[in-house]
C-alpha atoms as a PDB file:
ATOM      1  CA  UNK A   1      11.166  16.859   4.832  1.00  0.00           C
ATOM      2  CA  UNK A   2      14.799  16.614   3.772  1.00  0.00           C
ATOM      3  CA  UNK A   3      15.714  15.527   7.301  1.00  0.00           C
ATOM      4  CA  UNK A   4      13.019  12.853   7.214  1.00  0.00           C
ATOM      5  CA  UNK A   5      14.157  11.442   3.870  1.00  0.00           C
ATOM      6  CA  UNK A   6      17.821  11.598   4.874  1.00  0.00           C
ATOM      7  CA  UNK A   7      17.126   9.849   8.188  1.00  0.00           C
ATOM      8  CA  UNK A   8      15.196   7.073   6.470  1.00  0.00           C
ATOM      9  CA  UNK A   9      17.914   6.753   3.827  1.00  0.00           C
ATOM     10  CA  UNK A  10      20.576   6.453   6.533  1.00  0.00           C
ATOM     11  CA  UNK A  11      18.482   3.784   8.233  1.00  0.00           C
ATOM     12  CA  UNK A  12      18.183   1.791   5.003  1.00  0.00           C
ATOM     13  CA  UNK A  13      21.788   2.202   3.885  1.00  0.00           C
ATOM     14  CA  UNK A  14      23.556   2.169   7.265  1.00  0.00           C
ATOM     15  CA  UNK A  15      23.499  -1.570   8.067  1.00  0.00           C
ATOM     16  CA  UNK A  16      25.068  -4.103   5.692  1.00  0.00           C
ATOM     17  CA  UNK A  17      22.841  -4.791   2.715  1.00  0.00           C
ATOM     18  CA  UNK A  18      22.188  -8.414   3.726  1.00  0.00           C
ATOM     19  CA  UNK A  19      20.462  -7.251   6.914  1.00  0.00           C
ATOM     20  CA  UNK A  20      17.702  -5.514   4.975  1.00  0.00           C
ATOM     21  CA  UNK A  21      17.602  -8.324   2.409  1.00  0.00           C
ATOM     22  CA  UNK A  22      16.808 -10.722   5.250  1.00  0.00           C
ATOM     23  CA  UNK A  23      14.241  -8.304   6.699  1.00  0.00           C
ATOM     24  CA  UNK A  24      12.481  -7.891   3.348  1.00  0.00           C
ATOM     25  CA  UNK A  25      12.587 -11.643   2.710  1.00  0.00           C
ATOM     26  CA  UNK A  26      11.205 -12.505   6.145  1.00  0.00           C
ATOM     27  CA  UNK A  27       8.458  -9.899   5.769  1.00  0.00           C
ATOM     28  CA  UNK A  28       7.499 -11.346   2.388  1.00  0.00           C
ATOM     29  CA  UNK A  29       7.429 -14.844   3.874  1.00  0.00           C
ATOM     30  CA  UNK A  30       5.141 -13.750   6.691  1.00  0.00           C
ATOM     31  CA  UNK A  31       2.586 -11.859   4.606  1.00  0.00           C
ATOM     32  CA  UNK A  32       2.594 -13.784   1.332  1.00  0.00           C
ATOM     33  CA  UNK A  33       4.526 -17.034   1.351  1.00  0.00           C
ATOM     34  CA  UNK A  34       7.532 -18.727  -0.136  1.00  0.00           C
ATOM     35  CA  UNK A  35       6.996 -17.446  -3.679  1.00  0.00           C
ATOM     36  CA  UNK A  36       7.356 -13.750  -2.869  1.00  0.00           C
ATOM     37  CA  UNK A  37      10.068 -14.505  -0.306  1.00  0.00           C
ATOM     38  CA  UNK A  38      12.161 -16.318  -2.914  1.00  0.00           C
ATOM     39  CA  UNK A  39      11.684 -13.523  -5.426  1.00  0.00           C
ATOM     40  CA  UNK A  40      12.603 -10.897  -2.832  1.00  0.00           C
ATOM     41  CA  UNK A  41      15.797 -12.691  -1.848  1.00  0.00           C
ATOM     42  CA  UNK A  42      17.010 -13.210  -5.415  1.00  0.00           C
ATOM     43  CA  UNK A  43      15.892  -9.779  -6.644  1.00  0.00           C
ATOM     44  CA  UNK A  44      17.593  -7.734  -3.937  1.00  0.00           C
ATOM     45  CA  UNK A  45      20.759  -9.801  -4.188  1.00  0.00           C
ATOM     46  CA  UNK A  46      20.713  -8.903  -7.889  1.00  0.00           C
ATOM     47  CA  UNK A  47      20.282  -5.217  -7.023  1.00  0.00           C
ATOM     48  CA  UNK A  48      23.385  -5.381  -4.833  1.00  0.00           C
ATOM     49  CA  UNK A  49      25.270  -7.241  -7.562  1.00  0.00           C
ATOM     50  CA  UNK A  50      24.430  -4.368  -9.925  1.00  0.00           C
ATOM     51  CA  UNK A  51      26.002  -1.993  -7.357  1.00  0.00           C
ATOM     52  CA  UNK A  52      22.719  -0.076  -7.086  1.00  0.00           C
ATOM     53  CA  UNK A  53      21.802  -0.861  -3.493  1.00  0.00           C
ATOM     54  CA  UNK A  54      22.362   2.681  -2.200  1.00  0.00           C
ATOM     55  CA  UNK A  55      20.400   4.265  -5.054  1.00  0.00           C
ATOM     56  CA  UNK A  56      17.565   1.762  -4.632  1.00  0.00           C
ATOM     57  CA  UNK A  57      17.276   2.492  -0.920  1.00  0.00           C
ATOM     58  CA  UNK A  58      17.317   6.238  -1.629  1.00  0.00           C
ATOM     59  CA  UNK A  59      14.405   5.766  -4.021  1.00  0.00           C
ATOM     60  CA  UNK A  60      12.611   3.560  -1.490  1.00  0.00           C
ATOM     61  CA  UNK A  61      12.983   6.271   1.160  1.00  0.00           C
ATOM     62  CA  UNK A  62      11.481   8.909  -1.151  1.00  0.00           C
ATOM     63  CA  UNK A  63       8.629   6.574  -2.115  1.00  0.00           C
ATOM     64  CA  UNK A  64       7.811   5.681   1.490  1.00  0.00           C
ATOM     65  CA  UNK A  65       7.814   9.286   2.700  1.00  0.00           C
ATOM     66  CA  UNK A  66       5.691  10.466  -0.233  1.00  0.00           C
ATOM     67  CA  UNK A  67       3.293   7.515   0.108  1.00  0.00           C
ATOM     68  CA  UNK A  68       2.784   8.077   3.832  1.00  0.00           C
ATOM     69  CA  UNK A  69       2.048  11.782   3.316  1.00  0.00           C
ATOM     70  CA  UNK A  70      -0.255  11.076   0.350  1.00  0.00           C
ATOM     71  CA  UNK A  71      -2.140   8.428   2.332  1.00  0.00           C
ATOM     72  CA  UNK A  72      -2.439  10.703   5.360  1.00  0.00           C
ATOM     73  CA  UNK A  73      -4.016  13.348   3.111  1.00  0.00           C
ATOM     74  CA  UNK A  74      -6.010  11.116   0.771  1.00  0.00           C
ATOM     75  CA  UNK A  75      -7.754   8.769   3.211  1.00  0.00           C
ATOM     76  CA  UNK A  76      -9.377  11.545   5.320  1.00  0.00           C
ATOM     77  CA  UNK A  77     -10.451  13.300   2.118  1.00  0.00           C
ATOM     78  CA  UNK A  78     -11.973  10.041   0.889  1.00  0.00           C
ATOM     79  CA  UNK A  79     -13.861   9.599   4.171  1.00  0.00           C
ATOM     80  CA  UNK A  80     -15.112  13.173   3.958  1.00  0.00           C
ATOM     81  CA  UNK A  81     -16.212  12.694   0.353  1.00  0.00           C
ATOM     82  CA  UNK A  82     -18.034   9.471   1.249  1.00  0.00           C
ATOM     83  CA  UNK A  83     -19.975  11.203   4.019  1.00  0.00           C
ATOM     84  CA  UNK A  84     -20.739  14.419   2.127  1.00  0.00           C
ATOM     85  CA  UNK A  85     -22.063  14.284  -1.415  1.00  0.00           C
ATOM     86  CA  UNK A  86     -21.185  17.959  -1.990  1.00  0.00           C
ATOM     87  CA  UNK A  87     -17.541  17.293  -1.094  1.00  0.00           C
ATOM     88  CA  UNK A  88     -17.455  14.378  -3.528  1.00  0.00           C
ATOM     89  CA  UNK A  89     -18.894  16.600  -6.259  1.00  0.00           C
ATOM     90  CA  UNK A  90     -16.174  19.198  -5.704  1.00  0.00           C
ATOM     91  CA  UNK A  91     -13.316  16.703  -5.421  1.00  0.00           C
ATOM     92  CA  UNK A  92     -14.184  14.639  -8.481  1.00  0.00           C
ATOM     93  CA  UNK A  93     -13.094  17.175 -11.153  1.00  0.00           C
ATOM     94  CA  UNK A  94     -10.030  18.078  -9.096  1.00  0.00           C
ATOM     95  CA  UNK A  95      -8.970  14.435  -8.959  1.00  0.00           C
ATOM     96  CA  UNK A  96      -9.677  14.022 -12.668  1.00  0.00           C
ATOM     97  CA  UNK A  97      -7.433  16.993 -13.382  1.00  0.00           C
ATOM     98  CA  UNK A  98      -4.676  15.631 -11.147  1.00  0.00           C
ATOM     99  CA  UNK A  99      -4.761  12.204 -12.787  1.00  0.00           C
ATOM    100  CA  UNK A 100      -4.726  13.503 -16.359  1.00  0.00           C
ATOM    101  CA  UNK A 101      -1.979  16.092 -15.880  1.00  0.00           C
ATOM    102  CA  UNK A 102       1.374  14.937 -17.346  1.00  0.00           C
ATOM    103  CA  UNK A 103       3.818  13.924 -14.646  1.00  0.00           C
ATOM    104  CA  UNK A 104       6.489  16.392 -15.743  1.00  0.00           C
ATOM    105  CA  UNK A 105       4.102  19.284 -15.111  1.00  0.00           C
ATOM    106  CA  UNK A 106       4.178  18.559 -11.378  1.00  0.00           C
ATOM    107  CA  UNK A 107       7.861  19.427 -11.275  1.00  0.00           C
ATOM    108  CA  UNK A 108       7.307  23.014 -12.446  1.00  0.00           C
ATOM    109  CA  UNK A 109       5.608  24.401  -9.297  1.00  0.00           C
ATOM    110  CA  UNK A 110       7.660  22.082  -7.059  1.00  0.00           C
ATOM    111  CA  UNK A 111      10.978  23.365  -8.408  1.00  0.00           C
ATOM    112  CA  UNK A 112       9.651  26.937  -8.488  1.00  0.00           C
ATOM    113  CA  UNK A 113       8.759  26.910  -4.785  1.00  0.00           C
ATOM    114  CA  UNK A 114      11.420  24.570  -3.354  1.00  0.00           C
ATOM    115  CA  UNK A 115      14.333  24.730  -5.789  1.00  0.00           C
ATOM    116  CA  UNK A 116      16.425  21.718  -6.771  1.00  0.00           C
ATOM    117  CA  UNK A 117      16.798  18.805  -4.374  1.00  0.00           C
ATOM    118  CA  UNK A 118      14.884  16.157  -2.485  1.00  0.00           C
ATOM    119  CA  UNK A 119      12.012  18.393  -1.347  1.00  0.00           C
ATOM    120  CA  UNK A 120      10.577  19.203  -4.802  1.00  0.00           C
ATOM    121  CA  UNK A 121      10.852  15.545  -5.770  1.00  0.00           C
ATOM    122  CA  UNK A 122       8.948  14.420  -2.683  1.00  0.00           C
ATOM    123  CA  UNK A 123       6.382  17.226  -3.059  1.00  0.00           C
ATOM    124  CA  UNK A 124       5.668  16.403  -6.709  1.00  0.00           C
ATOM    125  CA  UNK A 125       5.518  12.683  -5.938  1.00  0.00           C
ATOM    126  CA  UNK A 126       3.112  13.247  -3.046  1.00  0.00           C
ATOM    127  CA  UNK A 127       0.690  15.401  -5.034  1.00  0.00           C
ATOM    128  CA  UNK A 128       0.778  12.991  -7.965  1.00  0.00           C
ATOM    129  CA  UNK A 129      -0.013  10.025  -5.674  1.00  0.00           C
ATOM    130  CA  UNK A 130      -2.999  11.406  -3.742  1.00  0.00           C
ATOM    131  CA  UNK A 131      -5.960  10.636  -6.109  1.00  0.00           C
ATOM    132  CA  UNK A 132      -6.074   6.816  -5.698  1.00  0.00           C
ATOM    133  CA  UNK A 133      -6.210   7.118  -1.910  1.00  0.00           C
ATOM    134  CA  UNK A 134      -9.167   9.506  -2.124  1.00  0.00           C
ATOM    135  CA  UNK A 135     -11.099   7.574  -4.760  1.00  0.00           C
ATOM    136  CA  UNK A 136     -10.701   4.071  -3.335  1.00  0.00           C
ATOM    137  CA  UNK A 137     -11.389   5.178   0.239  1.00  0.00           C
ATOM    138  CA  UNK A 138     -14.613   6.837  -0.883  1.00  0.00           C
ATOM    139  CA  UNK A 139     -15.509   3.799  -2.985  1.00  0.00           C
ATOM    140  CA  UNK A 140     -14.880   1.408  -0.110  1.00  0.00           C
ATOM    141  CA  UNK A 141     -16.991   3.332   2.398  1.00  0.00           C
ATOM    142  CA  UNK A 142     -19.844   3.860  -0.068  1.00  0.00           C
ATOM    143  CA  UNK A 143     -19.724   0.147  -0.857  1.00  0.00           C
ATOM    144  CA  UNK A 144     -20.519  -0.907   2.710  1.00  0.00           C
ATOM    145  CA  UNK A 145     -23.866  -2.695   2.888  1.00  0.00           C
ATOM    146  CA  UNK A 146     -26.523  -0.131   3.934  1.00  0.00           C
ATOM    147  CA  UNK A 147     -28.300  -2.797   5.979  1.00  0.00           C
ATOM    148  CA  UNK A 148     -25.218  -3.171   8.166  1.00  0.00           C
ATOM    149  CA  UNK A 149     -25.121   0.578   8.747  1.00  0.00           C
ATOM    150  CA  UNK A 150     -28.847   0.608   9.535  1.00  0.00           C
ATOM    151  CA  UNK A 151     -28.350  -2.224  12.005  1.00  0.00           C
ATOM    152  CA  UNK A 152     -25.627  -0.229  13.742  1.00  0.00           C
ATOM    153  CA  UNK A 153     -27.992   2.753  13.890  1.00  0.00           C
ATOM    154  CA  UNK A 154     -30.676   0.530  15.371  1.00  0.00           C
ATOM    155  CA  UNK A 155     -28.329  -0.518  18.162  1.00  0.00           C
ATOM    156  CA  UNK A 156     -27.752   3.129  19.049  1.00  0.00           C
ATOM    157  CA  UNK A 157     -24.302   3.676  17.546  1.00  0.00           C
ATOM    158  CA  UNK A 158     -23.486   7.283  16.727  1.00  0.00           C
ATOM    159  CA  UNK A 159     -21.965   8.236  13.339  1.00  0.00           C
ATOM    160  CA  UNK A 160     -18.364   8.228  14.549  1.00  0.00           C
ATOM    161  CA  UNK A 161     -18.795   4.778  16.054  1.00  0.00           C
ATOM    162  CA  UNK A 162     -20.312   3.504  12.815  1.00  0.00           C
ATOM    163  CA  UNK A 163     -17.418   4.942  10.827  1.00  0.00           C
ATOM    164  CA  UNK A 164     -14.755   3.584  13.163  1.00  0.00           C
ATOM    165  CA  UNK A 165     -16.224   0.175  13.972  1.00  0.00           C
ATOM    166  CA  UNK A 166     -18.316  -0.695  10.908  1.00  0.00           C
ATOM    167  CA  UNK A 167     -17.487   1.240   7.751  1.00  0.00           C
ATOM    168  CA  UNK A 168     -13.696   1.483   8.000  1.00  0.00           C
ATOM    169  CA  UNK A 169     -13.137  -2.219   8.839  1.00  0.00           C
ATOM    170  CA  UNK A 170     -15.428  -3.309   6.004  1.00  0.00           C
ATOM    171  CA  UNK A 171     -13.828  -0.834   3.587  1.00  0.00           C
ATOM    172  CA  UNK A 172     -10.279  -1.806   4.582  1.00  0.00           C
ATOM    173  CA  UNK A 173      -9.580  -3.980   1.486  1.00  0.00           C
ATOM    174  CA  UNK A 174     -10.506  -1.079  -0.793  1.00  0.00           C
ATOM    175  CA  UNK A 175      -8.471   1.374   1.289  1.00  0.00           C
ATOM    176  CA  UNK A 176      -5.440  -0.920   1.169  1.00  0.00           C
ATOM    177  CA  UNK A 177      -5.860  -1.222  -2.584  1.00  0.00           C
ATOM    178  CA  UNK A 178      -5.699   2.571  -2.663  1.00  0.00           C
ATOM    179  CA  UNK A 179      -2.504   2.510  -0.606  1.00  0.00           C
ATOM    180  CA  UNK A 180      -1.077   0.014  -3.082  1.00  0.00           C
ATOM    181  CA  UNK A 181      -1.856   2.348  -5.976  1.00  0.00           C
ATOM    182  CA  UNK A 182      -0.410   5.311  -4.078  1.00  0.00           C
ATOM    183  CA  UNK A 183       2.889   3.464  -3.706  1.00  0.00           C
ATOM    184  CA  UNK A 184       2.897   2.443  -7.372  1.00  0.00           C
ATOM    185  CA  UNK A 185       2.280   6.017  -8.541  1.00  0.00           C
ATOM    186  CA  UNK A 186       4.958   7.297  -6.175  1.00  0.00           C
ATOM    187  CA  UNK A 187       7.414   4.805  -7.612  1.00  0.00           C
ATOM    188  CA  UNK A 188       6.475   5.795 -11.151  1.00  0.00           C
ATOM    189  CA  UNK A 189       7.612   9.327 -10.286  1.00  0.00           C
ATOM    190  CA  UNK A 190      11.089   8.167  -9.236  1.00  0.00           C
ATOM    191  CA  UNK A 191      12.664   8.785 -12.637  1.00  0.00           C
ATOM    192  CA  UNK A 192      10.876  12.111 -13.066  1.00  0.00           C
ATOM    193  CA  UNK A 193      11.883  13.208  -9.563  1.00  0.00           C
ATOM    194  CA  UNK A 194      15.478  12.516 -10.557  1.00  0.00           C
ATOM    195  CA  UNK A 195      15.238  15.514 -12.884  1.00  0.00           C
ATOM    196  CA  UNK A 196      14.606  17.679  -9.820  1.00  0.00           C
ATOM    197  CA  UNK A 197      17.636  16.315  -7.996  1.00  0.00           C
ATOM    198  CA  UNK A 198      15.820  13.840  -5.766  1.00  0.00           C
ATOM    199  CA  UNK A 199      18.601  11.297  -6.216  1.00  0.00           C
ATOM    200  CA  UNK A 200      18.177   7.554  -6.211  1.00  0.00           C
ATOM    201  CA  UNK A 201      17.449   5.459  -9.266  1.00  0.00           C
ATOM    202  CA  UNK A 202      15.964   8.452 -11.049  1.00  0.00           C
ATOM    203  CA  UNK A 203      19.373  10.084 -11.180  1.00  0.00           C
ATOM    204  CA  UNK A 204      20.890   6.851 -12.527  1.00  0.00           C
ATOM    205  CA  UNK A 205      18.333   6.613 -15.336  1.00  0.00           C
ATOM    206  CA  UNK A 206      18.470  10.317 -16.211  1.00  0.00           C
ATOM    207  CA  UNK A 207      22.274  10.229 -16.310  1.00  0.00           C
ATOM    208  CA  UNK A 208      22.172   7.158 -18.552  1.00  0.00           C
ATOM    209  CA  UNK A 209      19.745   8.870 -20.936  1.00  0.00           C
ATOM    210  CA  UNK A 210      21.793  12.053 -21.183  1.00  0.00           C
ATOM    211  CA  UNK A 211      25.000  10.074 -21.793  1.00  0.00           C
ATOM    212  CA  UNK A 212      23.379   7.454 -24.061  1.00  0.00           C
ATOM    213  CA  UNK A 213      24.634   4.736 -21.722  1.00  0.00           C
ATOM    214  CA  UNK A 214      22.393   1.800 -22.595  1.00  0.00           C
ATOM    215  CA  UNK A 215      23.877  -0.555 -20.005  1.00  0.00           C
ATOM    216  CA  UNK A 216      23.481   1.874 -17.105  1.00  0.00           C
ATOM    217  CA  UNK A 217      19.957   2.718 -18.233  1.00  0.00           C
ATOM    218  CA  UNK A 218      19.012  -0.955 -18.383  1.00  0.00           C
ATOM    219  CA  UNK A 219      20.460  -1.634 -14.934  1.00  0.00           C
ATOM    220  CA  UNK A 220      18.683   1.353 -13.403  1.00  0.00           C
ATOM    221  CA  UNK A 221      15.419   0.398 -15.082  1.00  0.00           C
ATOM    222  CA  UNK A 222      15.769  -3.189 -13.863  1.00  0.00           C
ATOM    223  CA  UNK A 223      16.252  -1.968 -10.291  1.00  0.00           C
ATOM    224  CA  UNK A 224      13.100   0.174 -10.606  1.00  0.00           C
ATOM    225  CA  UNK A 225      11.145  -2.835 -11.874  1.00  0.00           C
ATOM    226  CA  UNK A 226      12.391  -5.025  -9.015  1.00  0.00           C
ATOM    227  CA  UNK A 227      11.415  -2.415  -6.446  1.00  0.00           C
ATOM    228  CA  UNK A 228       8.011  -1.966  -8.104  1.00  0.00           C
ATOM    229  CA  UNK A 229       7.230  -5.693  -8.136  1.00  0.00           C
ATOM    230  CA  UNK A 230       8.294  -6.106  -4.509  1.00  0.00           C
ATOM    231  CA  UNK A 231       6.227  -3.166  -3.259  1.00  0.00           C
ATOM    232  CA  UNK A 232       3.206  -4.140  -5.359  1.00  0.00           C
ATOM    233  CA  UNK A 233       3.128  -7.778  -4.247  1.00  0.00           C
ATOM    234  CA  UNK A 234       3.910  -6.933  -0.627  1.00  0.00           C
ATOM    235  CA  UNK A 235       1.196  -4.298  -0.260  1.00  0.00           C
ATOM    236  CA  UNK A 236      -1.285  -6.431  -2.212  1.00  0.00           C
ATOM    237  CA  UNK A 237      -0.657  -9.265   0.257  1.00  0.00           C
ATOM    238  CA  UNK A 238      -1.258  -6.882   3.151  1.00  0.00           C
ATOM    239  CA  UNK A 239      -4.537  -5.800   1.553  1.00  0.00           C
ATOM    240  CA  UNK A 240      -5.870  -9.344   1.602  1.00  0.00           C
ATOM    241  CA  UNK A 241      -7.216 -10.996   4.695  1.00  0.00           C
ATOM    242  CA  UNK A 242      -4.409 -12.290   6.933  1.00  0.00           C
ATOM    243  CA  UNK A 243      -4.894 -15.919   5.896  1.00  0.00           C
ATOM    244  CA  UNK A 244      -1.948 -16.309   3.556  1.00  0.00           C
ATOM    245  CA  UNK A 245       1.756 -16.719   4.075  1.00  0.00           C
ATOM    246  CA  UNK A 246       3.536 -18.001   7.139  1.00  0.00           C
ATOM    247  CA  UNK A 247       1.691 -15.546   9.387  1.00  0.00           C
ATOM    248  CA  UNK A 248      -1.680 -16.896   8.252  1.00  0.00           C
ATOM    249  CA  UNK A 249      -0.504 -20.473   8.770  1.00  0.00           C
ATOM    250  CA  UNK A 250       0.616 -19.708  12.317  1.00  0.00           C
ATOM    251  CA  UNK A 251      -2.682 -17.962  13.073  1.00  0.00           C
ATOM    252  CA  UNK A 252      -4.700 -20.922  11.825  1.00  0.00           C
ATOM    253  CA  UNK A 253      -2.689 -23.327  13.953  1.00  0.00           C
ATOM    254  CA  UNK A 254      -3.265 -21.235  17.052  1.00  0.00           C
ATOM    255  CA  UNK A 255      -7.031 -21.273  16.658  1.00  0.00           C
ATOM    256  CA  UNK A 256      -8.299 -24.348  18.531  1.00  0.00           C
ATOM    257  CA  UNK A 257     -10.727 -26.526  16.715  1.00  0.00           C
ATOM    258  CA  UNK A 258     -14.230 -26.184  18.049  1.00  0.00           C
ATOM    259  CA  UNK A 259     -15.465 -29.269  19.793  1.00  0.00           C
ATOM    260  CA  UNK A 260     -18.530 -30.629  18.090  1.00  0.00           C
ATOM    261  CA  UNK A 261     -20.940 -32.263  20.493  1.00  0.00           C
ATOM    262  CA  UNK A 262     -22.713 -35.284  19.074  1.00  0.00           C
ATOM    263  CA  UNK A 263     -26.401 -34.800  18.516  1.00  0.00           C
ATOM    264  CA  UNK A 264     -28.394 -37.301  20.559  1.00  0.00           C
ATOM    265  CA  UNK A 265     -30.425 -39.643  18.385  1.00  0.00           C
ATOM    266  CA  UNK A 266     -33.854 -40.456  19.762  1.00  0.00           C
ATOM    267  CA  UNK A 267     -34.454 -44.158  20.249  1.00  0.00           C
ATOM    268  CA  UNK A 268     -37.850 -45.476  19.247  1.00  0.00           C
ATOM    269  CA  UNK A 269     -39.231 -48.881  20.134  1.00  0.00           C
ATOM    270  CA  UNK A 270     -41.796 -48.959  17.422  1.00  0.00           C
ATOM    271  CA  UNK A 271     -44.631 -49.444  19.959  1.00  0.00           C
ATOM    272  CA  UNK A 272     -47.185 -46.645  19.795  1.00  0.00           C
ATOM    273  CA  UNK A 273     -47.910 -44.908  23.059  1.00  0.00           C
ATOM    274  CA  UNK A 274     -51.356 -45.538  24.533  1.00  0.00           C
ATOM    275  CA  UNK A 275     -53.544 -42.693  25.549  1.00  0.00           C
ATOM    276  CA  UNK A 276     -53.979 -42.251  29.233  1.00  0.00           C
ATOM    277  CA  UNK A 277     -50.818 -44.143  30.160  1.00  0.00           C
END
């Protein structure tokens, strides 16, 4: 896990900062539009001006790794819970417990088993971020119209086909909303993970608190807010149908307009037809 986080951190911090600023800005333009793209450009230039680019990318690497692992665990559990009522009954109190446990408590077993460093920070962040993926995946699949599922059954589709080709596509907005919440919870653990030595902006904020450095604390907090807004708006745009942003505009232009054939209008002479003619 340390190798994975370090490799991703090297990828994000290796090139000049403006390379990733352009990548983030272009991605925002494609999925959302000019508003998010303008915010992304200005916000990340501000992060570099605060001399917090390296720490921000370290935090982004931890968040991405934890979010991917949490999603990979949470989505299958949500599918299982949606298909088995008994599984949902067992998971519900477990998820309630996980969501009501104070965030600092997650560090205790993580530090106990893994020591100080990146691994306990990622482990605690991952466990803390799993519940939204499970809940919203289950909610999305259960919210699929039963008539659509019955129609798929009537056409001879087996359960796996129904799940793959009917339920998951229709539940995708809810699943993506769960991914969005997973990322937000992972980012909320950045400061707490700094106590376990995970590095990044958490270390900046914790150091500022221990030294009563108001300026450093404000700068670190501002960088966290910028990263949170960017990730939230970006993933929320991905969760919507691909009809917004530059990508949606290009897709709409590629779709040819359907030719509408004129409906023939019957011509009447006003003379009634005679029988037998």
